[in-house]
Amino acid sequence: MTEIKIADRKTIGEVQAEFQEHFPFLKIEFYTGEHIEGQGSLDSLKINVDKTIGEVRNKHESGEVSIHGNQKVATLESNFHDVFGLNVQVFRRSANLWLQTTVTDEWTLSQQNETAKEFSLS
């Protein structure tokens, strides 16, 4: 299990890099608005990686997000929103594309990462 510290001074890019260290075939993007379950987030709502967490959230609790391979994507996204007021979407690599995991949000992070790895290496 991994802990990613969420603090107002940390940038979106720093959080993304920490996440990708543990799941190299996945990434998370941050958005200004919530997405509806089962639907994707609009590119126009994506937050720039240079913004700090403090600039983009409405709940200013410091803390850590626990991330582990057996965690479902939907749970991770909910935790970011409920605890920190951050809207995130997990993406999975598929060859040269990044796909939002909307249809497979019930998969675990490990399942997503393994599937992405297979597609990227084949």
PDB file of N, CA and C in Angstrom:
ATOM      1  N   MET A   1       0.848  -1.185   0.000  1.00  0.00           N
ATOM      2  CA  MET A   1       0.000   0.000   0.000  1.00  0.00           C
ATOM      3  C   MET A   1       0.889   1.242   0.000  1.00  0.00           C
ATOM      4  N   THR A   2       0.429   2.252  -0.664  1.00  0.00           N
ATOM      5  CA  THR A   2       1.155   3.493  -0.820  1.00  0.00           C
ATOM      6  C   THR A   2       0.329   4.638  -0.260  1.00  0.00           C
ATOM      7  N   GLU A   3       1.014   5.607   0.287  1.00  0.00           N
ATOM      8  CA  GLU A   3       0.351   6.827   0.759  1.00  0.00           C
ATOM      9  C   GLU A   3       0.859   7.987  -0.096  1.00  0.00           C
ATOM     10  N   ILE A   4      -0.049   8.760  -0.613  1.00  0.00           N
ATOM     11  CA  ILE A   4       0.324   9.982  -1.313  1.00  0.00           C
ATOM     12  C   ILE A   4      -0.161  11.143  -0.465  1.00  0.00           C
ATOM     13  N   LYS A   5       0.770  11.988  -0.054  1.00  0.00           N
ATOM     14  CA  LYS A   5       0.434  13.143   0.788  1.00  0.00           C
ATOM     15  C   LYS A   5      -0.242  14.198  -0.070  1.00  0.00           C
ATOM     16  N   ILE A   6      -1.372  14.676   0.426  1.00  0.00           N
ATOM     17  CA  ILE A   6      -2.107  15.739  -0.247  1.00  0.00           C
ATOM     18  C   ILE A   6      -1.996  16.988   0.622  1.00  0.00           C
ATOM     19  N   ALA A   7      -1.326  17.997   0.106  1.00  0.00           N
ATOM     20  CA  ALA A   7      -1.129  19.248   0.837  1.00  0.00           C
ATOM     21  C   ALA A   7      -1.279  20.408  -0.139  1.00  0.00           C
ATOM     22  N   ASP A   8      -1.715  21.542   0.375  1.00  0.00           N
ATOM     23  CA  ASP A   8      -2.006  22.700  -0.476  1.00  0.00           C
ATOM     24  C   ASP A   8      -0.825  23.164  -1.324  1.00  0.00           C
ATOM     25  N   ARG A   9       0.400  22.998  -0.839  1.00  0.00           N
ATOM     26  CA  ARG A   9       1.573  23.493  -1.575  1.00  0.00           C
ATOM     27  C   ARG A   9       2.034  22.568  -2.701  1.00  0.00           C
ATOM     28  N   LYS A  10       1.590  21.332  -2.677  1.00  0.00           N
ATOM     29  CA  LYS A  10       1.996  20.348  -3.686  1.00  0.00           C
ATOM     30  C   LYS A  10       1.285  20.654  -5.003  1.00  0.00           C
ATOM     31  N   THR A  11       1.969  20.444  -6.125  1.00  0.00           N
ATOM     32  CA  THR A  11       1.337  20.687  -7.424  1.00  0.00           C
ATOM     33  C   THR A  11       0.593  19.440  -7.900  1.00  0.00           C
ATOM     34  N   ILE A  12      -0.318  19.679  -8.819  1.00  0.00           N
ATOM     35  CA  ILE A  12      -1.042  18.583  -9.472  1.00  0.00           C
ATOM     36  C   ILE A  12      -0.028  17.622 -10.096  1.00  0.00           C
ATOM     37  N   GLY A  13       0.975  18.172 -10.766  1.00  0.00           N
ATOM     38  CA  GLY A  13       1.996  17.348 -11.420  1.00  0.00           C
ATOM     39  C   GLY A  13       2.755  16.456 -10.445  1.00  0.00           C
ATOM     40  N   GLU A  14       3.029  16.956  -9.251  1.00  0.00           N
ATOM     41  CA  GLU A  14       3.739  16.156  -8.247  1.00  0.00           C
ATOM     42  C   GLU A  14       2.890  14.965  -7.793  1.00  0.00           C
ATOM     43  N   VAL A  15       1.601  15.197  -7.590  1.00  0.00           N
ATOM     44  CA  VAL A  15       0.703  14.108  -7.192  1.00  0.00           C
ATOM     45  C   VAL A  15       0.606  13.080  -8.323  1.00  0.00           C
ATOM     46  N   GLN A  16       0.501  13.565  -9.556  1.00  0.00           N
ATOM     47  CA  GLN A  16       0.429  12.663 -10.704  1.00  0.00           C
ATOM     48  C   GLN A  16       1.687  11.794 -10.803  1.00  0.00           C
ATOM     49  N   ALA A  17       2.844  12.400 -10.603  1.00  0.00           N
ATOM     50  CA  ALA A  17       4.108  11.661 -10.707  1.00  0.00           C
ATOM     51  C   ALA A  17       4.204  10.580  -9.628  1.00  0.00           C
ATOM     52  N   GLU A  18       3.784  10.909  -8.412  1.00  0.00           N
ATOM     53  CA  GLU A  18       3.809   9.916  -7.331  1.00  0.00           C
ATOM     54  C   GLU A  18       2.887   8.742  -7.648  1.00  0.00           C
ATOM     55  N   PHE A  19       1.713   9.036  -8.170  1.00  0.00           N
ATOM     56  CA  PHE A  19       0.770   7.981  -8.533  1.00  0.00           C
ATOM     57  C   PHE A  19       1.373   7.076  -9.603  1.00  0.00           C
ATOM     58  N   GLN A  20       1.985   7.705 -10.616  1.00  0.00           N
ATOM     59  CA  GLN A  20       2.502   6.930 -11.741  1.00  0.00           C
ATOM     60  C   GLN A  20       3.746   6.108 -11.382  1.00  0.00           C
ATOM     61  N   GLU A  21       4.446   6.477 -10.325  1.00  0.00           N
ATOM     62  CA  GLU A  21       5.560   5.653  -9.849  1.00  0.00           C
ATOM     63  C   GLU A  21       5.075   4.264  -9.475  1.00  0.00           C
ATOM     64  N   HIS A  22       3.873   4.179  -8.934  1.00  0.00           N
ATOM     65  CA  HIS A  22       3.325   2.913  -8.456  1.00  0.00           C
ATOM     66  C   HIS A  22       2.503   2.185  -9.515  1.00  0.00           C
ATOM     67  N   PHE A  23       1.925   2.937 -10.428  1.00  0.00           N
ATOM     68  CA  PHE A  23       1.114   2.359 -11.498  1.00  0.00           C
ATOM     69  C   PHE A  23       1.561   2.997 -12.822  1.00  0.00           C
ATOM     70  N   PRO A  24       2.663   2.498 -13.396  1.00  0.00           N
ATOM     71  CA  PRO A  24       3.271   3.164 -14.553  1.00  0.00           C
ATOM     72  C   PRO A  24       2.426   3.170 -15.830  1.00  0.00           C
ATOM     73  N   PHE A  25       1.407   2.332 -15.905  1.00  0.00           N
ATOM     74  CA  PHE A  25       0.570   2.310 -17.099  1.00  0.00           C
ATOM     75  C   PHE A  25      -0.779   3.002 -16.871  1.00  0.00           C
ATOM     76  N   LEU A  26      -0.867   3.703 -15.739  1.00  0.00           N
ATOM     77  CA  LEU A  26      -2.062   4.488 -15.413  1.00  0.00           C
ATOM     78  C   LEU A  26      -1.654   5.928 -15.139  1.00  0.00           C
ATOM     79  N   LYS A  27      -2.613   6.824 -15.204  1.00  0.00           N
ATOM     80  CA  LYS A  27      -2.370   8.203 -14.772  1.00  0.00           C
ATOM     81  C   LYS A  27      -3.667   8.769 -14.224  1.00  0.00           C
ATOM     82  N   ILE A  28      -3.535   9.800 -13.418  1.00  0.00           N
ATOM     83  CA  ILE A  28      -4.716  10.509 -12.939  1.00  0.00           C
ATOM     84  C   ILE A  28      -4.655  11.934 -13.449  1.00  0.00           C
ATOM     85  N   GLU A  29      -5.817  12.432 -13.808  1.00  0.00           N
ATOM     86  CA  GLU A  29      -5.968  13.821 -14.226  1.00  0.00           C
ATOM     87  C   GLU A  29      -6.943  14.482 -13.259  1.00  0.00           C
ATOM     88  N   PHE A  30      -6.748  15.772 -13.054  1.00  0.00           N
ATOM     89  CA  PHE A  30      -7.579  16.558 -12.142  1.00  0.00           C
ATOM     90  C   PHE A  30      -8.462  17.491 -12.958  1.00  0.00           C
ATOM     91  N   TYR A  31      -9.709  17.661 -12.503  1.00  0.00           N
ATOM     92  CA  TYR A  31     -10.700  18.445 -13.243  1.00  0.00           C
ATOM     93  C   TYR A  31     -11.404  19.446 -12.331  1.00  0.00           C
ATOM     94  N   THR A  32     -11.911  20.513 -12.941  1.00  0.00           N
ATOM     95  CA  THR A  32     -12.604  21.538 -12.170  1.00  0.00           C
ATOM     96  C   THR A  32     -13.998  21.089 -11.757  1.00  0.00           C
ATOM     97  N   GLY A  33     -14.564  20.121 -12.450  1.00  0.00           N
ATOM     98  CA  GLY A  33     -15.907  19.645 -12.117  1.00  0.00           C
ATOM     99  C   GLY A  33     -15.944  18.143 -11.946  1.00  0.00           C
ATOM    100  N   GLU A  34     -16.984  17.703 -11.243  1.00  0.00           N
ATOM    101  CA  GLU A  34     -17.199  16.268 -11.045  1.00  0.00           C
ATOM    102  C   GLU A  34     -17.688  15.639 -12.335  1.00  0.00           C
ATOM    103  N   HIS A  35     -17.347  14.364 -12.532  1.00  0.00           N
ATOM    104  CA  HIS A  35     -17.931  13.651 -13.662  1.00  0.00           C
ATOM    105  C   HIS A  35     -19.040  12.739 -13.146  1.00  0.00           C
ATOM    106  N   ILE A  36     -19.978  12.470 -13.997  1.00  0.00           N
ATOM    107  CA  ILE A  36     -21.087  11.583 -13.645  1.00  0.00           C
ATOM    108  C   ILE A  36     -20.581  10.155 -13.743  1.00  0.00           C
ATOM    109  N   GLU A  37     -20.962   9.319 -12.782  1.00  0.00           N
ATOM    110  CA  GLU A  37     -20.515   7.938 -12.767  1.00  0.00           C
ATOM    111  C   GLU A  37     -20.804   7.276 -14.112  1.00  0.00           C
ATOM    112  N   GLY A  38     -19.797   6.608 -14.656  1.00  0.00           N
ATOM    113  CA  GLY A  38     -19.948   5.942 -15.944  1.00  0.00           C
ATOM    114  C   GLY A  38     -19.689   6.842 -17.135  1.00  0.00           C
ATOM    115  N   GLN A  39     -19.455   8.128 -16.886  1.00  0.00           N
ATOM    116  CA  GLN A  39     -19.170   9.060 -17.977  1.00  0.00           C
ATOM    117  C   GLN A  39     -17.779   9.654 -17.795  1.00  0.00           C
ATOM    118  N   GLY A  40     -17.227  10.125 -18.888  1.00  0.00           N
ATOM    119  CA  GLY A  40     -15.897  10.712 -18.847  1.00  0.00           C
ATOM    120  C   GLY A  40     -15.919  12.178 -18.452  1.00  0.00           C
ATOM    121  N   SER A  41     -14.739  12.710 -18.240  1.00  0.00           N
ATOM    122  CA  SER A  41     -14.575  14.129 -17.941  1.00  0.00           C
ATOM    123  C   SER A  41     -14.145  14.853 -19.211  1.00  0.00           C
ATOM    124  N   LEU A  42     -14.597  16.072 -19.349  1.00  0.00           N
ATOM    125  CA  LEU A  42     -14.273  16.864 -20.542  1.00  0.00           C
ATOM    126  C   LEU A  42     -12.854  17.412 -20.454  1.00  0.00           C
ATOM    127  N   ASP A  43     -12.135  17.351 -21.577  1.00  0.00           N
ATOM    128  CA  ASP A  43     -10.777  17.899 -21.635  1.00  0.00           C
ATOM    129  C   ASP A  43     -10.746  19.371 -21.246  1.00  0.00           C
ATOM    130  N   SER A  44     -11.806  20.087 -21.595  1.00  0.00           N
ATOM    131  CA  SER A  44     -11.845  21.529 -21.320  1.00  0.00           C
ATOM    132  C   SER A  44     -11.869  21.836 -19.818  1.00  0.00           C
ATOM    133  N   LEU A  45     -12.178  20.836 -18.989  1.00  0.00           N
ATOM    134  CA  LEU A  45     -12.228  21.030 -17.537  1.00  0.00           C
ATOM    135  C   LEU A  45     -10.958  20.567 -16.830  1.00  0.00           C
ATOM    136  N   LYS A  46      -9.976  20.075 -17.614  1.00  0.00           N
ATOM    137  CA  LYS A  46      -8.732  19.570 -17.031  1.00  0.00           C
ATOM    138  C   LYS A  46      -7.935  20.709 -16.403  1.00  0.00           C
ATOM    139  N   ILE A  47      -7.346  20.426 -15.242  1.00  0.00           N
ATOM    140  CA  ILE A  47      -6.564  21.430 -14.515  1.00  0.00           C
ATOM    141  C   ILE A  47      -5.091  21.303 -14.886  1.00  0.00           C
ATOM    142  N   ASN A  48      -4.443  22.438 -15.101  1.00  0.00           N
ATOM    143  CA  ASN A  48      -3.028  22.487 -15.463  1.00  0.00           C
ATOM    144  C   ASN A  48      -2.163  21.866 -14.367  1.00  0.00           C
ATOM    145  N   VAL A  49      -1.148  21.116 -14.773  1.00  0.00           N
ATOM    146  CA  VAL A  49      -0.270  20.400 -13.827  1.00  0.00           C
ATOM    147  C   VAL A  49       0.538  21.335 -12.935  1.00  0.00           C
ATOM    148  N   ASP A  50       0.684  22.595 -13.316  1.00  0.00           N
ATOM    149  CA  ASP A  50       1.464  23.549 -12.522  1.00  0.00           C
ATOM    150  C   ASP A  50       0.664  24.153 -11.360  1.00  0.00           C
ATOM    151  N   LYS A  51      -0.642  23.972 -11.359  1.00  0.00           N
ATOM    152  CA  LYS A  51      -1.475  24.503 -10.278  1.00  0.00           C
ATOM    153  C   LYS A  51      -1.200  23.724  -8.997  1.00  0.00           C
ATOM    154  N   THR A  52      -1.328  24.403  -7.868  1.00  0.00           N
ATOM    155  CA  THR A  52      -1.162  23.709  -6.596  1.00  0.00           C
ATOM    156  C   THR A  52      -2.507  23.130  -6.154  1.00  0.00           C
ATOM    157  N   ILE A  53      -2.434  22.138  -5.290  1.00  0.00           N
ATOM    158  CA  ILE A  53      -3.637  21.527  -4.732  1.00  0.00           C
ATOM    159  C   ILE A  53      -4.495  22.604  -4.056  1.00  0.00           C
ATOM    160  N   GLY A  54      -3.848  23.506  -3.333  1.00  0.00           N
ATOM    161  CA  GLY A  54      -4.571  24.564  -2.638  1.00  0.00           C
ATOM    162  C   GLY A  54      -5.366  25.474  -3.557  1.00  0.00           C
ATOM    163  N   GLU A  55      -4.875  25.659  -4.779  1.00  0.00           N
ATOM    164  CA  GLU A  55      -5.561  26.529  -5.734  1.00  0.00           C
ATOM    165  C   GLU A  55      -6.826  25.892  -6.306  1.00  0.00           C
ATOM    166  N   VAL A  56      -6.928  24.570  -6.272  1.00  0.00           N
ATOM    167  CA  VAL A  56      -7.991  23.912  -7.017  1.00  0.00           C
ATOM    168  C   VAL A  56      -9.006  23.157  -6.161  1.00  0.00           C
ATOM    169  N   ARG A  57      -8.819  23.157  -4.855  1.00  0.00           N
ATOM    170  CA  ARG A  57      -9.780  22.397  -4.053  1.00  0.00           C
ATOM    171  C   ARG A  57     -10.545  23.289  -3.099  1.00  0.00           C
ATOM    172  N   ASN A  58     -11.683  22.762  -2.644  1.00  0.00           N
ATOM    173  CA  ASN A  58     -12.512  23.546  -1.731  1.00  0.00           C
ATOM    174  C   ASN A  58     -12.480  22.991  -0.308  1.00  0.00           C
ATOM    175  N   LYS A  59     -11.882  21.836  -0.093  1.00  0.00           N
ATOM    176  CA  LYS A  59     -11.703  21.271   1.251  1.00  0.00           C
ATOM    177  C   LYS A  59     -10.208  21.288   1.535  1.00  0.00           C
ATOM    178  N   HIS A  60      -9.787  22.076   2.487  1.00  0.00           N
ATOM    179  CA  HIS A  60      -8.352  22.253   2.715  1.00  0.00           C
ATOM    180  C   HIS A  60      -7.821  21.407   3.857  1.00  0.00           C
ATOM    181  N   GLU A  61      -8.189  20.146   3.849  1.00  0.00           N
ATOM    182  CA  GLU A  61      -7.666  19.185   4.812  1.00  0.00           C
ATOM    183  C   GLU A  61      -6.357  18.633   4.269  1.00  0.00           C
ATOM    184  N   SER A  62      -5.317  18.624   5.088  1.00  0.00           N
ATOM    185  CA  SER A  62      -4.101  17.929   4.696  1.00  0.00           C
ATOM    186  C   SER A  62      -4.279  16.481   5.085  1.00  0.00           C
ATOM    187  N   GLY A  63      -3.605  15.629   4.390  1.00  0.00           N
ATOM    188  CA  GLY A  63      -3.719  14.216   4.711  1.00  0.00           C
ATOM    189  C   GLY A  63      -3.109  13.378   3.623  1.00  0.00           C
ATOM    190  N   GLU A  64      -3.393  12.099   3.684  1.00  0.00           N
ATOM    191  CA  GLU A  64      -2.838  11.168   2.720  1.00  0.00           C
ATOM    192  C   GLU A  64      -3.947  10.356   2.089  1.00  0.00           C
ATOM    193  N   VAL A  65      -3.736  10.037   0.831  1.00  0.00           N
ATOM    194  CA  VAL A  65      -4.634   9.141   0.118  1.00  0.00           C
ATOM    195  C   VAL A  65      -3.945   7.791   0.093  1.00  0.00           C
ATOM    196  N   SER A  66      -4.621   6.778   0.609  1.00  0.00           N
ATOM    197  CA  SER A  66      -4.081   5.425   0.554  1.00  0.00           C
ATOM    198  C   SER A  66      -4.403   4.827  -0.800  1.00  0.00           C
ATOM    199  N   ILE A  67      -3.375   4.276  -1.420  1.00  0.00           N
ATOM    200  CA  ILE A  67      -3.551   3.681  -2.738  1.00  0.00           C
ATOM    201  C   ILE A  67      -2.939   2.290  -2.700  1.00  0.00           C
ATOM    202  N   HIS A  68      -3.730   1.301  -3.096  1.00  0.00           N
ATOM    203  CA  HIS A  68      -3.198  -0.052  -3.176  1.00  0.00           C
ATOM    204  C   HIS A  68      -3.806  -0.758  -4.377  1.00  0.00           C
ATOM    205  N   GLY A  69      -3.136  -1.777  -4.822  1.00  0.00           N
ATOM    206  CA  GLY A  69      -3.531  -2.469  -6.044  1.00  0.00           C
ATOM    207  C   GLY A  69      -4.922  -3.068  -6.010  1.00  0.00           C
ATOM    208  N   ASN A  70      -5.410  -3.454  -4.827  1.00  0.00           N
ATOM    209  CA  ASN A  70      -6.732  -4.076  -4.726  1.00  0.00           C
ATOM    210  C   ASN A  70      -7.865  -3.063  -4.649  1.00  0.00           C
ATOM    211  N   GLN A  71      -7.522  -1.789  -4.680  1.00  0.00           N
ATOM    212  CA  GLN A  71      -8.526  -0.726  -4.591  1.00  0.00           C
ATOM    213  C   GLN A  71      -9.174  -0.521  -5.958  1.00  0.00           C
ATOM    214  N   LYS A  72     -10.493  -0.368  -5.954  1.00  0.00           N
ATOM    215  CA  LYS A  72     -11.201  -0.099  -7.204  1.00  0.00           C
ATOM    216  C   LYS A  72     -10.978   1.349  -7.615  1.00  0.00           C
ATOM    217  N   VAL A  73     -10.966   1.572  -8.924  1.00  0.00           N
ATOM    218  CA  VAL A  73     -10.808   2.924  -9.459  1.00  0.00           C
ATOM    219  C   VAL A  73     -11.886   3.847  -8.894  1.00  0.00           C
ATOM    220  N   ALA A  74     -13.117   3.382  -8.863  1.00  0.00           N
ATOM    221  CA  ALA A  74     -14.228   4.210  -8.364  1.00  0.00           C
ATOM    222  C   ALA A  74     -13.986   4.641  -6.919  1.00  0.00           C
ATOM    223  N   THR A  75     -13.417   3.749  -6.112  1.00  0.00           N
ATOM    224  CA  THR A  75     -13.129   4.068  -4.709  1.00  0.00           C
ATOM    225  C   THR A  75     -12.065   5.140  -4.600  1.00  0.00           C
ATOM    226  N   LEU A  76     -11.012   5.008  -5.385  1.00  0.00           N
ATOM    227  CA  LEU A  76      -9.940   6.008  -5.376  1.00  0.00           C
ATOM    228  C   LEU A  76     -10.490   7.378  -5.772  1.00  0.00           C
ATOM    229  N   GLU A  77     -11.259   7.425  -6.851  1.00  0.00           N
ATOM    230  CA  GLU A  77     -11.816   8.694  -7.316  1.00  0.00           C
ATOM    231  C   GLU A  77     -12.738   9.303  -6.254  1.00  0.00           C
ATOM    232  N   SER A  78     -13.544   8.465  -5.615  1.00  0.00           N
ATOM    233  CA  SER A  78     -14.439   8.946  -4.548  1.00  0.00           C
ATOM    234  C   SER A  78     -13.660   9.479  -3.359  1.00  0.00           C
ATOM    235  N   ASN A  79     -12.584   8.793  -2.984  1.00  0.00           N
ATOM    236  CA  ASN A  79     -11.769   9.237  -1.850  1.00  0.00           C
ATOM    237  C   ASN A  79     -11.180  10.621  -2.097  1.00  0.00           C
ATOM    238  N   PHE A  80     -10.644  10.845  -3.280  1.00  0.00           N
ATOM    239  CA  PHE A  80     -10.099  12.168  -3.615  1.00  0.00           C
ATOM    240  C   PHE A  80     -11.188  13.231  -3.471  1.00  0.00           C
ATOM    241  N   HIS A  81     -12.383  12.919  -3.952  1.00  0.00           N
ATOM    242  CA  HIS A  81     -13.470  13.897  -3.919  1.00  0.00           C
ATOM    243  C   HIS A  81     -14.004  14.109  -2.503  1.00  0.00           C
ATOM    244  N   ASP A  82     -14.311  13.022  -1.829  1.00  0.00           N
ATOM    245  CA  ASP A  82     -14.971  13.131  -0.519  1.00  0.00           C
ATOM    246  C   ASP A  82     -14.063  13.705   0.564  1.00  0.00           C
ATOM    247  N   VAL A  83     -12.801  13.314   0.555  1.00  0.00           N
ATOM    248  CA  VAL A  83     -11.885  13.742   1.614  1.00  0.00           C
ATOM    249  C   VAL A  83     -11.255  15.100   1.312  1.00  0.00           C
ATOM    250  N   PHE A  84     -10.878  15.322   0.056  1.00  0.00           N
ATOM    251  CA  PHE A  84     -10.103  16.514  -0.282  1.00  0.00           C
ATOM    252  C   PHE A  84     -10.810  17.502  -1.209  1.00  0.00           C
ATOM    253  N   GLY A  85     -11.980  17.156  -1.712  1.00  0.00           N
ATOM    254  CA  GLY A  85     -12.678  18.060  -2.630  1.00  0.00           C
ATOM    255  C   GLY A  85     -12.003  18.162  -3.978  1.00  0.00           C
ATOM    256  N   LEU A  86     -11.346  17.078  -4.389  1.00  0.00           N
ATOM    257  CA  LEU A  86     -10.642  17.058  -5.675  1.00  0.00           C
ATOM    258  C   LEU A  86     -11.347  16.101  -6.639  1.00  0.00           C
ATOM    259  N   ASN A  87     -11.501  16.552  -7.879  1.00  0.00           N
ATOM    260  CA  ASN A  87     -12.144  15.730  -8.908  1.00  0.00           C
ATOM    261  C   ASN A  87     -11.063  15.103  -9.773  1.00  0.00           C
ATOM    262  N   VAL A  88     -10.936  13.772  -9.683  1.00  0.00           N
ATOM    263  CA  VAL A  88      -9.916  13.078 -10.468  1.00  0.00           C
ATOM    264  C   VAL A  88     -10.561  12.015 -11.340  1.00  0.00           C
ATOM    265  N   GLN A  89      -9.851  11.695 -12.394  1.00  0.00           N
ATOM    266  CA  GLN A  89     -10.252  10.632 -13.319  1.00  0.00           C
ATOM    267  C   GLN A  89      -9.011   9.793 -13.593  1.00  0.00           C
ATOM    268  N   VAL A  90      -9.150   8.479 -13.487  1.00  0.00           N
ATOM    269  CA  VAL A  90      -8.043   7.571 -13.785  1.00  0.00           C
ATOM    270  C   VAL A  90      -8.081   7.245 -15.274  1.00  0.00           C
ATOM    271  N   PHE A  91      -6.895   7.221 -15.879  1.00  0.00           N
ATOM    272  CA  PHE A  91      -6.725   6.857 -17.279  1.00  0.00           C
ATOM    273  C   PHE A  91      -5.847   5.622 -17.366  1.00  0.00           C
ATOM    274  N   ARG A  92      -6.102   4.802 -18.390  1.00  0.00           N
ATOM    275  CA  ARG A  92      -5.303   3.607 -18.650  1.00  0.00           C
ATOM    276  C   ARG A  92      -4.671   3.729 -20.024  1.00  0.00           C
ATOM    277  N   ARG A  93      -3.405   3.389 -20.105  1.00  0.00           N
ATOM    278  CA  ARG A  93      -2.692   3.433 -21.377  1.00  0.00           C
ATOM    279  C   ARG A  93      -3.152   2.280 -22.260  1.00  0.00           C
ATOM    280  N   SER A  94      -3.377   2.569 -23.526  1.00  0.00           N
ATOM    281  CA  SER A  94      -3.716   1.550 -24.509  1.00  0.00           C
ATOM    282  C   SER A  94      -2.911   1.865 -25.763  1.00  0.00           C
ATOM    283  N   ALA A  95      -1.793   1.155 -25.920  1.00  0.00           N
ATOM    284  CA  ALA A  95      -0.818   1.447 -26.978  1.00  0.00           C
ATOM    285  C   ALA A  95      -0.358   2.894 -26.810  1.00  0.00           C
ATOM    286  N   ASN A  96      -0.682   3.766 -27.781  1.00  0.00           N
ATOM    287  CA  ASN A  96      -0.242   5.164 -27.692  1.00  0.00           C
ATOM    288  C   ASN A  96      -1.332   6.112 -27.205  1.00  0.00           C
ATOM    289  N   LEU A  97      -2.443   5.566 -26.756  1.00  0.00           N
ATOM    290  CA  LEU A  97      -3.561   6.398 -26.311  1.00  0.00           C
ATOM    291  C   LEU A  97      -3.755   6.286 -24.805  1.00  0.00           C
ATOM    292  N   TRP A  98      -4.375   7.297 -24.221  1.00  0.00           N
ATOM    293  CA  TRP A  98      -4.802   7.257 -22.822  1.00  0.00           C
ATOM    294  C   TRP A  98      -6.314   7.244 -22.817  1.00  0.00           C
ATOM    295  N   LEU A  99      -6.904   6.200 -22.212  1.00  0.00           N
ATOM    296  CA  LEU A  99      -8.348   6.040 -22.161  1.00  0.00           C
ATOM    297  C   LEU A  99      -8.869   6.274 -20.751  1.00  0.00           C
ATOM    298  N   GLN A 100      -9.946   7.037 -20.628  1.00  0.00           N
ATOM    299  CA  GLN A 100     -10.584   7.186 -19.324  1.00  0.00           C
ATOM    300  C   GLN A 100     -11.201   5.837 -18.956  1.00  0.00           C
ATOM    301  N   THR A 101     -11.092   5.472 -17.699  1.00  0.00           N
ATOM    302  CA  THR A 101     -11.530   4.142 -17.263  1.00  0.00           C
ATOM    303  C   THR A 101     -13.006   4.107 -16.854  1.00  0.00           C
ATOM    304  N   THR A 102     -13.822   4.918 -17.472  1.00  0.00           N
ATOM    305  CA  THR A 102     -15.214   5.054 -17.044  1.00  0.00           C
ATOM    306  C   THR A 102     -15.973   3.729 -17.047  1.00  0.00           C
ATOM    307  N   VAL A 103     -15.794   2.915 -18.064  1.00  0.00           N
ATOM    308  CA  VAL A 103     -16.529   1.655 -18.178  1.00  0.00           C
ATOM    309  C   VAL A 103     -15.982   0.606 -17.204  1.00  0.00           C
ATOM    310  N   THR A 104     -14.724   0.770 -16.819  1.00  0.00           N
ATOM    311  CA  THR A 104     -14.071  -0.235 -15.969  1.00  0.00           C
ATOM    312  C   THR A 104     -13.709   0.324 -14.595  1.00  0.00           C
ATOM    313  N   ASP A 105     -14.488   1.267 -14.089  1.00  0.00           N
ATOM    314  CA  ASP A 105     -14.217   1.864 -12.771  1.00  0.00           C
ATOM    315  C   ASP A 105     -14.339   0.856 -11.629  1.00  0.00           C
ATOM    316  N   GLU A 106     -14.975  -0.280 -11.865  1.00  0.00           N
ATOM    317  CA  GLU A 106     -15.089  -1.309 -10.832  1.00  0.00           C
ATOM    318  C   GLU A 106     -13.874  -2.238 -10.814  1.00  0.00           C
ATOM    319  N   TRP A 107     -12.988  -2.098 -11.786  1.00  0.00           N
ATOM    320  CA  TRP A 107     -11.739  -2.871 -11.784  1.00  0.00           C
ATOM    321  C   TRP A 107     -10.812  -2.302 -10.723  1.00  0.00           C
ATOM    322  N   THR A 108      -9.913  -3.132 -10.234  1.00  0.00           N
ATOM    323  CA  THR A 108      -8.904  -2.641  -9.299  1.00  0.00           C
ATOM    324  C   THR A 108      -7.807  -1.915 -10.067  1.00  0.00           C
ATOM    325  N   LEU A 109      -7.025  -1.142  -9.334  1.00  0.00           N
ATOM    326  CA  LEU A 109      -5.897  -0.438  -9.955  1.00  0.00           C
ATOM    327  C   LEU A 109      -4.915  -1.439 -10.558  1.00  0.00           C
ATOM    328  N   SER A 110      -4.692  -2.563  -9.884  1.00  0.00           N
ATOM    329  CA  SER A 110      -3.787  -3.586 -10.419  1.00  0.00           C
ATOM    330  C   SER A 110      -4.314  -4.177 -11.719  1.00  0.00           C
ATOM    331  N   GLN A 111      -5.622  -4.457 -11.774  1.00  0.00           N
ATOM    332  CA  GLN A 111      -6.219  -4.973 -13.013  1.00  0.00           C
ATOM    333  C   GLN A 111      -6.042  -3.979 -14.152  1.00  0.00           C
ATOM    334  N   GLN A 112      -6.304  -2.723 -13.865  1.00  0.00           N
ATOM    335  CA  GLN A 112      -6.164  -1.669 -14.881  1.00  0.00           C
ATOM    336  C   GLN A 112      -4.720  -1.608 -15.376  1.00  0.00           C
ATOM    337  N   ASN A 113      -3.786  -1.599 -14.431  1.00  0.00           N
ATOM    338  CA  ASN A 113      -2.375  -1.465 -14.776  1.00  0.00           C
ATOM    339  C   ASN A 113      -1.892  -2.661 -15.597  1.00  0.00           C
ATOM    340  N   GLU A 114      -2.286  -3.870 -15.205  1.00  0.00           N
ATOM    341  CA  GLU A 114      -1.873  -5.083 -15.930  1.00  0.00           C
ATOM    342  C   GLU A 114      -2.442  -5.112 -17.344  1.00  0.00           C
ATOM    343  N   THR A 115      -3.718  -4.754 -17.478  1.00  0.00           N
ATOM    344  CA  THR A 115      -4.347  -4.713 -18.800  1.00  0.00           C
ATOM    345  C   THR A 115      -3.631  -3.696 -19.684  1.00  0.00           C
ATOM    346  N   ALA A 116      -3.350  -2.547 -19.132  1.00  0.00           N
ATOM    347  CA  ALA A 116      -2.655  -1.497 -19.886  1.00  0.00           C
ATOM    348  C   ALA A 116      -1.264  -1.944 -20.285  1.00  0.00           C
ATOM    349  N   LYS A 117      -0.578  -2.631 -19.388  1.00  0.00           N
ATOM    350  CA  LYS A 117       0.766  -3.129 -19.666  1.00  0.00           C
ATOM    351  C   LYS A 117       0.735  -4.100 -20.839  1.00  0.00           C
ATOM    352  N   GLU A 118      -0.237  -5.022 -20.840  1.00  0.00           N
ATOM    353  CA  GLU A 118      -0.357  -5.987 -21.924  1.00  0.00           C
ATOM    354  C   GLU A 118      -0.584  -5.300 -23.265  1.00  0.00           C
ATOM    355  N   PHE A 119      -1.485  -4.303 -23.304  1.00  0.00           N
ATOM    356  CA  PHE A 119      -1.763  -3.594 -24.548  1.00  0.00           C
ATOM    357  C   PHE A 119      -0.582  -2.759 -25.020  1.00  0.00           C
ATOM    358  N   SER A 120       0.156  -2.224 -24.085  1.00  0.00           N
ATOM    359  CA  SER A 120       1.279  -1.349 -24.438  1.00  0.00           C
ATOM    360  C   SER A 120       2.490  -2.138 -24.930  1.00  0.00           C
ATOM    361  N   LEU A 121       2.633  -3.361 -24.444  1.00  0.00           N
ATOM    362  CA  LEU A 121       3.798  -4.147 -24.812  1.00  0.00           C
ATOM    363  C   LEU A 121       3.545  -5.064 -26.009  1.00  0.00           C
ATOM    364  N   SER A 122       2.284  -5.197 -26.426  1.00  0.00           N
ATOM    365  CA  SER A 122       1.988  -6.097 -27.552  1.00  0.00           C
ATOM    366  C   SER A 122       2.022  -5.371 -28.873  1.00  0.00           C
TER     367      SER A 122
END
